[in-house]
Amino acid sequence: MLFYLIQSAPCRSSLKAEQIKSEVVAILGPRDWFGEMALFSGEPRSATIRTVKETSLWRLRREDWDELIEKHPIWLLQFCTTLSKRLSYVDRQYSTGREAF
């Protein structure tokens, strides 16, 4: 599994709502990342990422991630903080959307 860090240019994150349609759930920019769920779980990716224009990415394999965190354990705490904020945002979005019905 691979983890990606966006160096430059925006990317669009989409979830497939049905067989044909897909829904954009986020626009990611420089210093954002994706692929963390598949990196940790080993499960297939939950979203499709498409670049909006030419983009530079950093790619990190699971083995490299493990080595990086072993050398810099504080980064894991910062990473978890950001993941928690993302989860909270998605939860609020879901709750707001559910109330509309």
PDB file of N, CA and C in Angstrom:
ATOM      1  N   MET A   1       0.830  -1.177   0.000  1.00  0.00           N
ATOM      2  CA  MET A   1       0.000   0.000   0.000  1.00  0.00           C
ATOM      3  C   MET A   1       0.879   1.246   0.000  1.00  0.00           C
ATOM      4  N   LEU A   2       0.354   2.303  -0.604  1.00  0.00           N
ATOM      5  CA  LEU A   2       1.107   3.544  -0.726  1.00  0.00           C
ATOM      6  C   LEU A   2       0.356   4.711  -0.103  1.00  0.00           C
ATOM      7  N   PHE A   3       1.118   5.629   0.421  1.00  0.00           N
ATOM      8  CA  PHE A   3       0.632   6.863   1.024  1.00  0.00           C
ATOM      9  C   PHE A   3       1.205   7.988   0.175  1.00  0.00           C
ATOM     10  N   TYR A   4       0.406   9.014  -0.091  1.00  0.00           N
ATOM     11  CA  TYR A   4       0.850  10.112  -0.951  1.00  0.00           C
ATOM     12  C   TYR A   4       0.729  11.448  -0.232  1.00  0.00           C
ATOM     13  N   LEU A   5       1.731  12.283  -0.429  1.00  0.00           N
ATOM     14  CA  LEU A   5       1.732  13.651   0.082  1.00  0.00           C
ATOM     15  C   LEU A   5       1.779  14.572  -1.129  1.00  0.00           C
ATOM     16  N   ILE A   6       0.841  15.512  -1.184  1.00  0.00           N
ATOM     17  CA  ILE A   6       0.757  16.428  -2.326  1.00  0.00           C
ATOM     18  C   ILE A   6       1.760  17.556  -2.129  1.00  0.00           C
ATOM     19  N   GLN A   7       2.651  17.703  -3.084  1.00  0.00           N
ATOM     20  CA  GLN A   7       3.645  18.777  -3.022  1.00  0.00           C
ATOM     21  C   GLN A   7       3.106  20.047  -3.670  1.00  0.00           C
ATOM     22  N   SER A   8       2.443  19.902  -4.818  1.00  0.00           N
ATOM     23  CA  SER A   8       1.921  21.076  -5.511  1.00  0.00           C
ATOM     24  C   SER A   8       0.680  20.702  -6.309  1.00  0.00           C
ATOM     25  N   ALA A   9      -0.150  21.696  -6.524  1.00  0.00           N
ATOM     26  CA  ALA A   9      -1.368  21.600  -7.336  1.00  0.00           C
ATOM     27  C   ALA A   9      -2.489  20.840  -6.628  1.00  0.00           C
ATOM     28  N   PRO A  10      -3.735  21.172  -6.958  1.00  0.00           N
ATOM     29  CA  PRO A  10      -4.880  20.530  -6.298  1.00  0.00           C
ATOM     30  C   PRO A  10      -5.231  19.170  -6.889  1.00  0.00           C
ATOM     31  N   CYS A  11      -5.858  18.351  -6.036  1.00  0.00           N
ATOM     32  CA  CYS A  11      -6.394  17.046  -6.427  1.00  0.00           C
ATOM     33  C   CYS A  11      -7.828  16.975  -5.928  1.00  0.00           C
ATOM     34  N   ARG A  12      -8.637  16.191  -6.617  1.00  0.00           N
ATOM     35  CA  ARG A  12     -10.040  16.015  -6.242  1.00  0.00           C
ATOM     36  C   ARG A  12     -10.233  14.606  -5.709  1.00  0.00           C
ATOM     37  N   SER A  13     -10.877  14.487  -4.556  1.00  0.00           N
ATOM     38  CA  SER A  13     -11.187  13.194  -3.955  1.00  0.00           C
ATOM     39  C   SER A  13     -12.663  12.905  -4.186  1.00  0.00           C
ATOM     40  N   SER A  14     -12.972  11.763  -4.783  1.00  0.00           N
ATOM     41  CA  SER A  14     -14.357  11.415  -5.108  1.00  0.00           C
ATOM     42  C   SER A  14     -14.710  10.043  -4.580  1.00  0.00           C
ATOM     43  N   LEU A  15     -15.968   9.922  -4.177  1.00  0.00           N
ATOM     44  CA  LEU A  15     -16.533   8.630  -3.793  1.00  0.00           C
ATOM     45  C   LEU A  15     -17.555   8.249  -4.843  1.00  0.00           C
ATOM     46  N   LYS A  16     -17.593   6.994  -5.198  1.00  0.00           N
ATOM     47  CA  LYS A  16     -18.560   6.525  -6.177  1.00  0.00           C
ATOM     48  C   LYS A  16     -19.892   6.297  -5.476  1.00  0.00           C
ATOM     49  N   ALA A  17     -20.891   7.117  -5.790  1.00  0.00           N
ATOM     50  CA  ALA A  17     -22.198   7.031  -5.142  1.00  0.00           C
ATOM     51  C   ALA A  17     -23.030   5.890  -5.715  1.00  0.00           C
ATOM     52  N   GLU A  18     -22.980   5.710  -7.007  1.00  0.00           N
ATOM     53  CA  GLU A  18     -23.721   4.643  -7.672  1.00  0.00           C
ATOM     54  C   GLU A  18     -22.807   4.040  -8.712  1.00  0.00           C
ATOM     55  N   GLN A  19     -23.364   3.250  -9.599  1.00  0.00           N
ATOM     56  CA  GLN A  19     -22.567   2.635 -10.655  1.00  0.00           C
ATOM     57  C   GLN A  19     -21.967   3.681 -11.585  1.00  0.00           C
ATOM     58  N   ILE A  20     -22.691   4.772 -11.836  1.00  0.00           N
ATOM     59  CA  ILE A  20     -22.269   5.742 -12.838  1.00  0.00           C
ATOM     60  C   ILE A  20     -21.727   7.021 -12.202  1.00  0.00           C
ATOM     61  N   LYS A  21     -22.415   7.539 -11.197  1.00  0.00           N
ATOM     62  CA  LYS A  21     -22.082   8.832 -10.618  1.00  0.00           C
ATOM     63  C   LYS A  21     -20.975   8.728  -9.574  1.00  0.00           C
ATOM     64  N   SER A  22     -20.224   9.826  -9.435  1.00  0.00           N
ATOM     65  CA  SER A  22     -19.288   9.933  -8.326  1.00  0.00           C
ATOM     66  C   SER A  22     -19.456  11.321  -7.726  1.00  0.00           C
ATOM     67  N   GLU A  23     -19.204  11.425  -6.447  1.00  0.00           N
ATOM     68  CA  GLU A  23     -19.407  12.675  -5.720  1.00  0.00           C
ATOM     69  C   GLU A  23     -18.069  13.169  -5.177  1.00  0.00           C
ATOM     70  N   VAL A  24     -17.733  14.417  -5.509  1.00  0.00           N
ATOM     71  CA  VAL A  24     -16.503  15.015  -4.989  1.00  0.00           C
ATOM     72  C   VAL A  24     -16.710  15.291  -3.507  1.00  0.00           C
ATOM     73  N   VAL A  25     -15.816  14.762  -2.681  1.00  0.00           N
ATOM     74  CA  VAL A  25     -15.940  14.939  -1.239  1.00  0.00           C
ATOM     75  C   VAL A  25     -14.880  15.876  -0.676  1.00  0.00           C
ATOM     76  N   ALA A  26     -13.828  16.144  -1.446  1.00  0.00           N
ATOM     77  CA  ALA A  26     -12.785  17.046  -0.958  1.00  0.00           C
ATOM     78  C   ALA A  26     -11.908  17.503  -2.106  1.00  0.00           C
ATOM     79  N   ILE A  27     -11.377  18.693  -1.946  1.00  0.00           N
ATOM     80  CA  ILE A  27     -10.316  19.188  -2.824  1.00  0.00           C
ATOM     81  C   ILE A  27      -9.073  19.253  -1.942  1.00  0.00           C
ATOM     82  N   LEU A  28      -8.046  18.544  -2.357  1.00  0.00           N
ATOM     83  CA  LEU A  28      -6.813  18.478  -1.584  1.00  0.00           C
ATOM     84  C   LEU A  28      -5.758  19.351  -2.248  1.00  0.00           C
ATOM     85  N   GLY A  29      -4.954  20.013  -1.436  1.00  0.00           N
ATOM     86  CA  GLY A  29      -3.924  20.898  -1.964  1.00  0.00           C
ATOM     87  C   GLY A  29      -2.558  20.559  -1.397  1.00  0.00           C
ATOM     88  N   PRO A  30      -1.581  21.429  -1.643  1.00  0.00           N
ATOM     89  CA  PRO A  30      -0.231  21.199  -1.142  1.00  0.00           C
ATOM     90  C   PRO A  30      -0.227  20.921   0.360  1.00  0.00           C
ATOM     91  N   ARG A  31       0.568  19.944   0.747  1.00  0.00           N
ATOM     92  CA  ARG A  31       0.749  19.487   2.131  1.00  0.00           C
ATOM     93  C   ARG A  31      -0.410  18.624   2.633  1.00  0.00           C
ATOM     94  N   ASP A  32      -1.450  18.405   1.813  1.00  0.00           N
ATOM     95  CA  ASP A  32      -2.484  17.433   2.157  1.00  0.00           C
ATOM     96  C   ASP A  32      -1.966  16.056   1.748  1.00  0.00           C
ATOM     97  N   TRP A  33      -2.643  15.018   2.205  1.00  0.00           N
ATOM     98  CA  TRP A  33      -2.240  13.663   1.856  1.00  0.00           C
ATOM     99  C   TRP A  33      -3.451  12.793   1.622  1.00  0.00           C
ATOM    100  N   PHE A  34      -3.185  11.621   1.052  1.00  0.00           N
ATOM    101  CA  PHE A  34      -4.231  10.617   0.871  1.00  0.00           C
ATOM    102  C   PHE A  34      -3.585   9.236   0.833  1.00  0.00           C
ATOM    103  N   GLY A  35      -4.406   8.229   1.024  1.00  0.00           N
ATOM    104  CA  GLY A  35      -3.933   6.857   1.005  1.00  0.00           C
ATOM    105  C   GLY A  35      -3.665   6.296   2.388  1.00  0.00           C
ATOM    106  N   GLU A  36      -3.916   7.103   3.431  1.00  0.00           N
ATOM    107  CA  GLU A  36      -3.601   6.649   4.793  1.00  0.00           C
ATOM    108  C   GLU A  36      -4.472   5.480   5.242  1.00  0.00           C
ATOM    109  N   MET A  37      -5.738   5.461   4.830  1.00  0.00           N
ATOM    110  CA  MET A  37      -6.622   4.376   5.258  1.00  0.00           C
ATOM    111  C   MET A  37      -6.144   3.042   4.685  1.00  0.00           C
ATOM    112  N   ALA A  38      -5.815   3.017   3.414  1.00  0.00           N
ATOM    113  CA  ALA A  38      -5.321   1.791   2.788  1.00  0.00           C
ATOM    114  C   ALA A  38      -3.950   1.421   3.351  1.00  0.00           C
ATOM    115  N   LEU A  39      -3.134   2.417   3.658  1.00  0.00           N
ATOM    116  CA  LEU A  39      -1.811   2.165   4.234  1.00  0.00           C
ATOM    117  C   LEU A  39      -1.924   1.412   5.544  1.00  0.00           C
ATOM    118  N   PHE A  40      -2.840   1.843   6.413  1.00  0.00           N
ATOM    119  CA  PHE A  40      -2.978   1.227   7.731  1.00  0.00           C
ATOM    120  C   PHE A  40      -3.802  -0.050   7.721  1.00  0.00           C
ATOM    121  N   SER A  41      -4.866  -0.076   6.946  1.00  0.00           N
ATOM    122  CA  SER A  41      -5.786  -1.221   7.004  1.00  0.00           C
ATOM    123  C   SER A  41      -5.441  -2.331   6.023  1.00  0.00           C
ATOM    124  N   GLY A  42      -4.755  -1.992   4.940  1.00  0.00           N
ATOM    125  CA  GLY A  42      -4.498  -2.968   3.887  1.00  0.00           C
ATOM    126  C   GLY A  42      -5.707  -3.210   3.001  1.00  0.00           C
ATOM    127  N   GLU A  43      -6.804  -2.495   3.273  1.00  0.00           N
ATOM    128  CA  GLU A  43      -8.041  -2.629   2.498  1.00  0.00           C
ATOM    129  C   GLU A  43      -7.933  -1.815   1.202  1.00  0.00           C
ATOM    130  N   PRO A  44      -8.793  -2.116   0.226  1.00  0.00           N
ATOM    131  CA  PRO A  44      -8.814  -1.315  -1.001  1.00  0.00           C
ATOM    132  C   PRO A  44      -9.132   0.149  -0.684  1.00  0.00           C
ATOM    133  N   ARG A  45      -8.691   1.012  -1.525  1.00  0.00           N
ATOM    134  CA  ARG A  45      -8.922   2.447  -1.333  1.00  0.00           C
ATOM    135  C   ARG A  45     -10.413   2.756  -1.320  1.00  0.00           C
ATOM    136  N   SER A  46     -10.798   3.738  -0.504  1.00  0.00           N
ATOM    137  CA  SER A  46     -12.210   4.094  -0.365  1.00  0.00           C
ATOM    138  C   SER A  46     -12.606   5.248  -1.272  1.00  0.00           C
ATOM    139  N   ALA A  47     -11.641   5.896  -1.894  1.00  0.00           N
ATOM    140  CA  ALA A  47     -11.942   7.051  -2.751  1.00  0.00           C
ATOM    141  C   ALA A  47     -11.018   7.027  -3.967  1.00  0.00           C
ATOM    142  N   THR A  48     -11.405   7.786  -4.958  1.00  0.00           N
ATOM    143  CA  THR A  48     -10.591   7.964  -6.154  1.00  0.00           C
ATOM    144  C   THR A  48     -10.031   9.379  -6.122  1.00  0.00           C
ATOM    145  N   ILE A  49      -8.743   9.508  -6.361  1.00  0.00           N
ATOM    146  CA  ILE A  49      -8.096  10.814  -6.380  1.00  0.00           C
ATOM    147  C   ILE A  49      -7.722  11.131  -7.822  1.00  0.00           C
ATOM    148  N   ARG A  50      -8.117  12.304  -8.267  1.00  0.00           N
ATOM    149  CA  ARG A  50      -7.771  12.769  -9.618  1.00  0.00           C
ATOM    150  C   ARG A  50      -7.139  14.145  -9.501  1.00  0.00           C
ATOM    151  N   THR A  51      -6.091  14.351 -10.286  1.00  0.00           N
ATOM    152  CA  THR A  51      -5.459  15.659 -10.281  1.00  0.00           C
ATOM    153  C   THR A  51      -6.290  16.630 -11.096  1.00  0.00           C
ATOM    154  N   VAL A  52      -6.286  17.886 -10.687  1.00  0.00           N
ATOM    155  CA  VAL A  52      -7.002  18.928 -11.399  1.00  0.00           C
ATOM    156  C   VAL A  52      -6.112  19.486 -12.508  1.00  0.00           C
ATOM    157  N   LYS A  53      -4.810  19.545 -12.239  1.00  0.00           N
ATOM    158  CA  LYS A  53      -3.814  19.929 -13.240  1.00  0.00           C
ATOM    159  C   LYS A  53      -2.526  19.216 -12.884  1.00  0.00           C
ATOM    160  N   GLU A  54      -1.451  19.487 -13.592  1.00  0.00           N
ATOM    161  CA  GLU A  54      -0.193  18.801 -13.316  1.00  0.00           C
ATOM    162  C   GLU A  54       0.162  18.932 -11.837  1.00  0.00           C
ATOM    163  N   THR A  55       0.502  17.803 -11.231  1.00  0.00           N
ATOM    164  CA  THR A  55       0.687  17.735  -9.786  1.00  0.00           C
ATOM    165  C   THR A  55       1.981  17.002  -9.446  1.00  0.00           C
ATOM    166  N   SER A  56       2.638  17.465  -8.388  1.00  0.00           N
ATOM    167  CA  SER A  56       3.807  16.754  -7.859  1.00  0.00           C
ATOM    168  C   SER A  56       3.407  16.077  -6.557  1.00  0.00           C
ATOM    169  N   LEU A  57       3.744  14.797  -6.446  1.00  0.00           N
ATOM    170  CA  LEU A  57       3.401  14.005  -5.268  1.00  0.00           C
ATOM    171  C   LEU A  57       4.652  13.341  -4.703  1.00  0.00           C
ATOM    172  N   TRP A  58       4.643  13.120  -3.393  1.00  0.00           N
ATOM    173  CA  TRP A  58       5.635  12.275  -2.741  1.00  0.00           C
ATOM    174  C   TRP A  58       4.923  10.963  -2.439  1.00  0.00           C
ATOM    175  N   ARG A  59       5.591   9.849  -2.683  1.00  0.00           N
ATOM    176  CA  ARG A  59       4.994   8.526  -2.465  1.00  0.00           C
ATOM    177  C   ARG A  59       5.796   7.810  -1.381  1.00  0.00           C
ATOM    178  N   LEU A  60       5.066   7.148  -0.475  1.00  0.00           N
ATOM    179  CA  LEU A  60       5.703   6.468   0.643  1.00  0.00           C
ATOM    180  C   LEU A  60       5.108   5.066   0.788  1.00  0.00           C
ATOM    181  N   ARG A  61       5.966   4.059   0.774  1.00  0.00           N
ATOM    182  CA  ARG A  61       5.518   2.678   0.988  1.00  0.00           C
ATOM    183  C   ARG A  61       5.334   2.426   2.487  1.00  0.00           C
ATOM    184  N   ARG A  62       4.595   1.394   2.833  1.00  0.00           N
ATOM    185  CA  ARG A  62       4.342   1.052   4.236  1.00  0.00           C
ATOM    186  C   ARG A  62       5.651   0.843   5.002  1.00  0.00           C
ATOM    187  N   GLU A  63       6.597   0.165   4.389  1.00  0.00           N
ATOM    188  CA  GLU A  63       7.880  -0.094   5.043  1.00  0.00           C
ATOM    189  C   GLU A  63       8.606   1.218   5.343  1.00  0.00           C
ATOM    190  N   ASP A  64       8.529   2.156   4.407  1.00  0.00           N
ATOM    191  CA  ASP A  64       9.168   3.463   4.603  1.00  0.00           C
ATOM    192  C   ASP A  64       8.451   4.253   5.696  1.00  0.00           C
ATOM    193  N   TRP A  65       7.112   4.134   5.742  1.00  0.00           N
ATOM    194  CA  TRP A  65       6.321   4.795   6.787  1.00  0.00           C
ATOM    195  C   TRP A  65       6.771   4.303   8.160  1.00  0.00           C
ATOM    196  N   ASP A  66       6.873   2.978   8.312  1.00  0.00           N
ATOM    197  CA  ASP A  66       7.275   2.394   9.591  1.00  0.00           C
ATOM    198  C   ASP A  66       8.641   2.909  10.029  1.00  0.00           C
ATOM    199  N   GLU A  67       9.556   2.976   9.102  1.00  0.00           N
ATOM    200  CA  GLU A  67      10.908   3.465   9.399  1.00  0.00           C
ATOM    201  C   GLU A  67      10.884   4.945   9.789  1.00  0.00           C
ATOM    202  N   LEU A  68      10.104   5.724   9.086  1.00  0.00           N
ATOM    203  CA  LEU A  68       9.995   7.158   9.365  1.00  0.00           C
ATOM    204  C   LEU A  68       9.421   7.402  10.762  1.00  0.00           C
ATOM    205  N   ILE A  69       8.382   6.683  11.116  1.00  0.00           N
ATOM    206  CA  ILE A  69       7.751   6.848  12.429  1.00  0.00           C
ATOM    207  C   ILE A  69       8.671   6.348  13.542  1.00  0.00           C
ATOM    208  N   GLU A  70       9.445   5.324  13.262  1.00  0.00           N
ATOM    209  CA  GLU A  70      10.404   4.845  14.265  1.00  0.00           C
ATOM    210  C   GLU A  70      11.451   5.926  14.571  1.00  0.00           C
ATOM    211  N   LYS A  71      11.864   6.657  13.552  1.00  0.00           N
ATOM    212  CA  LYS A  71      12.862   7.720  13.738  1.00  0.00           C
ATOM    213  C   LYS A  71      12.260   8.993  14.319  1.00  0.00           C
ATOM    214  N   HIS A  72      10.984   9.260  13.999  1.00  0.00           N
ATOM    215  CA  HIS A  72      10.323  10.507  14.415  1.00  0.00           C
ATOM    216  C   HIS A  72       8.942  10.191  14.992  1.00  0.00           C
ATOM    217  N   PRO A  73       8.865   9.597  16.172  1.00  0.00           N
ATOM    218  CA  PRO A  73       7.566   9.170  16.716  1.00  0.00           C
ATOM    219  C   PRO A  73       6.578  10.311  16.949  1.00  0.00           C
ATOM    220  N   ILE A  74       7.039  11.521  17.167  1.00  0.00           N
ATOM    221  CA  ILE A  74       6.130  12.658  17.377  1.00  0.00           C
ATOM    222  C   ILE A  74       5.284  12.913  16.130  1.00  0.00           C
ATOM    223  N   TRP A  75       5.783  12.541  14.966  1.00  0.00           N
ATOM    224  CA  TRP A  75       5.022  12.732  13.735  1.00  0.00           C
ATOM    225  C   TRP A  75       3.746  11.910  13.747  1.00  0.00           C
ATOM    226  N   LEU A  76       3.780  10.754  14.398  1.00  0.00           N
ATOM    227  CA  LEU A  76       2.585   9.913  14.474  1.00  0.00           C
ATOM    228  C   LEU A  76       1.482  10.625  15.249  1.00  0.00           C
ATOM    229  N   LEU A  77       1.849  11.304  16.325  1.00  0.00           N
ATOM    230  CA  LEU A  77       0.868  12.060  17.096  1.00  0.00           C
ATOM    231  C   LEU A  77       0.261  13.181  16.253  1.00  0.00           C
ATOM    232  N   GLN A  78       1.081  13.891  15.522  1.00  0.00           N
ATOM    233  CA  GLN A  78       0.582  14.962  14.652  1.00  0.00           C
ATOM    234  C   GLN A  78      -0.310  14.402  13.558  1.00  0.00           C
ATOM    235  N   PHE A  79       0.066  13.275  13.024  1.00  0.00           N
ATOM    236  CA  PHE A  79      -0.720  12.612  11.989  1.00  0.00           C
ATOM    237  C   PHE A  79      -2.090  12.212  12.534  1.00  0.00           C
ATOM    238  N   CYS A  80      -2.102  11.612  13.729  1.00  0.00           N
ATOM    239  CA  CYS A  80      -3.364  11.198  14.359  1.00  0.00           C
ATOM    240  C   CYS A  80      -4.253  12.400  14.678  1.00  0.00           C
ATOM    241  N   THR A  81      -3.658  13.509  15.062  1.00  0.00           N
ATOM    242  CA  THR A  81      -4.422  14.730  15.326  1.00  0.00           C
ATOM    243  C   THR A  81      -5.139  15.181  14.062  1.00  0.00           C
ATOM    244  N   THR A  82      -4.443  15.175  12.953  1.00  0.00           N
ATOM    245  CA  THR A  82      -5.053  15.580  11.686  1.00  0.00           C
ATOM    246  C   THR A  82      -6.140  14.600  11.263  1.00  0.00           C
ATOM    247  N   LEU A  83      -5.901  13.311  11.422  1.00  0.00           N
ATOM    248  CA  LEU A  83      -6.927  12.316  11.087  1.00  0.00           C
ATOM    249  C   LEU A  83      -8.172  12.502  11.942  1.00  0.00           C
ATOM    250  N   SER A  84      -7.983  12.801  13.201  1.00  0.00           N
ATOM    251  CA  SER A  84      -9.112  13.033  14.102  1.00  0.00           C
ATOM    252  C   SER A  84      -9.928  14.237  13.645  1.00  0.00           C
ATOM    253  N   LYS A  85      -9.272  15.299  13.228  1.00  0.00           N
ATOM    254  CA  LYS A  85      -9.967  16.489  12.733  1.00  0.00           C
ATOM    255  C   LYS A  85     -10.748  16.169  11.461  1.00  0.00           C
ATOM    256  N   ARG A  86     -10.144  15.372  10.578  1.00  0.00           N
ATOM    257  CA  ARG A  86     -10.847  14.975   9.347  1.00  0.00           C
ATOM    258  C   ARG A  86     -12.088  14.159   9.675  1.00  0.00           C
ATOM    259  N   LEU A  87     -11.958  13.227  10.592  1.00  0.00           N
ATOM    260  CA  LEU A  87     -13.092  12.389  10.982  1.00  0.00           C
ATOM    261  C   LEU A  87     -14.203  13.226  11.599  1.00  0.00           C
ATOM    262  N   SER A  88     -13.841  14.174  12.425  1.00  0.00           N
ATOM    263  CA  SER A  88     -14.821  15.064  13.042  1.00  0.00           C
ATOM    264  C   SER A  88     -15.559  15.875  11.976  1.00  0.00           C
ATOM    265  N   TYR A  89     -14.834  16.368  10.993  1.00  0.00           N
ATOM    266  CA  TYR A  89     -15.440  17.139   9.904  1.00  0.00           C
ATOM    267  C   TYR A  89     -16.436  16.273   9.123  1.00  0.00           C
ATOM    268  N   VAL A  90     -16.028  15.072   8.776  1.00  0.00           N
ATOM    269  CA  VAL A  90     -16.908  14.170   8.019  1.00  0.00           C
ATOM    270  C   VAL A  90     -18.145  13.822   8.840  1.00  0.00           C
ATOM    271  N   ASP A  91     -17.964  13.612  10.137  1.00  0.00           N
ATOM    272  CA  ASP A  91     -19.088  13.312  11.011  1.00  0.00           C
ATOM    273  C   ASP A  91     -20.085  14.478  11.040  1.00  0.00           C
ATOM    274  N   ARG A  92     -19.576  15.697  11.120  1.00  0.00           N
ATOM    275  CA  ARG A  92     -20.467  16.875  11.099  1.00  0.00           C
ATOM    276  C   ARG A  92     -21.187  16.979   9.766  1.00  0.00           C
ATOM    277  N   GLN A  93     -20.492  16.728   8.673  1.00  0.00           N
ATOM    278  CA  GLN A  93     -21.112  16.781   7.346  1.00  0.00           C
ATOM    279  C   GLN A  93     -22.214  15.742   7.228  1.00  0.00           C
ATOM    280  N   TYR A  94     -21.942  14.535   7.704  1.00  0.00           N
ATOM    281  CA  TYR A  94     -22.929  13.463   7.655  1.00  0.00           C
ATOM    282  C   TYR A  94     -24.147  13.817   8.500  1.00  0.00           C
ATOM    283  N   SER A  95     -23.922  14.337   9.703  1.00  0.00           N
ATOM    284  CA  SER A  95     -25.026  14.700  10.587  1.00  0.00           C
ATOM    285  C   SER A  95     -25.879  15.800   9.978  1.00  0.00           C
ATOM    286  N   THR A  96     -25.252  16.781   9.370  1.00  0.00           N
ATOM    287  CA  THR A  96     -25.973  17.880   8.728  1.00  0.00           C
ATOM    288  C   THR A  96     -26.808  17.351   7.553  1.00  0.00           C
ATOM    289  N   GLY A  97     -26.221  16.496   6.756  1.00  0.00           N
ATOM    290  CA  GLY A  97     -26.934  15.927   5.612  1.00  0.00           C
ATOM    291  C   GLY A  97     -28.085  15.055   6.038  1.00  0.00           C
ATOM    292  N   ARG A  98     -27.917  14.305   7.097  1.00  0.00           N
ATOM    293  CA  ARG A  98     -28.977  13.422   7.588  1.00  0.00           C
ATOM    294  C   ARG A  98     -30.151  14.220   8.102  1.00  0.00           C
ATOM    295  N   GLU A  99     -29.899  15.370   8.736  1.00  0.00           N
ATOM    296  CA  GLU A  99     -30.984  16.217   9.256  1.00  0.00           C
ATOM    297  C   GLU A  99     -31.817  16.826   8.150  1.00  0.00           C
ATOM    298  N   ALA A 100     -31.248  16.948   6.944  1.00  0.00           N
ATOM    299  CA  ALA A 100     -31.976  17.524   5.816  1.00  0.00           C
ATOM    300  C   ALA A 100     -33.138  16.637   5.383  1.00  0.00           C
ATOM    301  N   PHE A 101     -33.050  15.337   5.697  1.00  0.00           N
ATOM    302  CA  PHE A 101     -34.124  14.421   5.319  1.00  0.00           C
ATOM    303  C   PHE A 101     -35.101  14.338   6.446  1.00  0.00           C
TER     304      PHE A 101
END
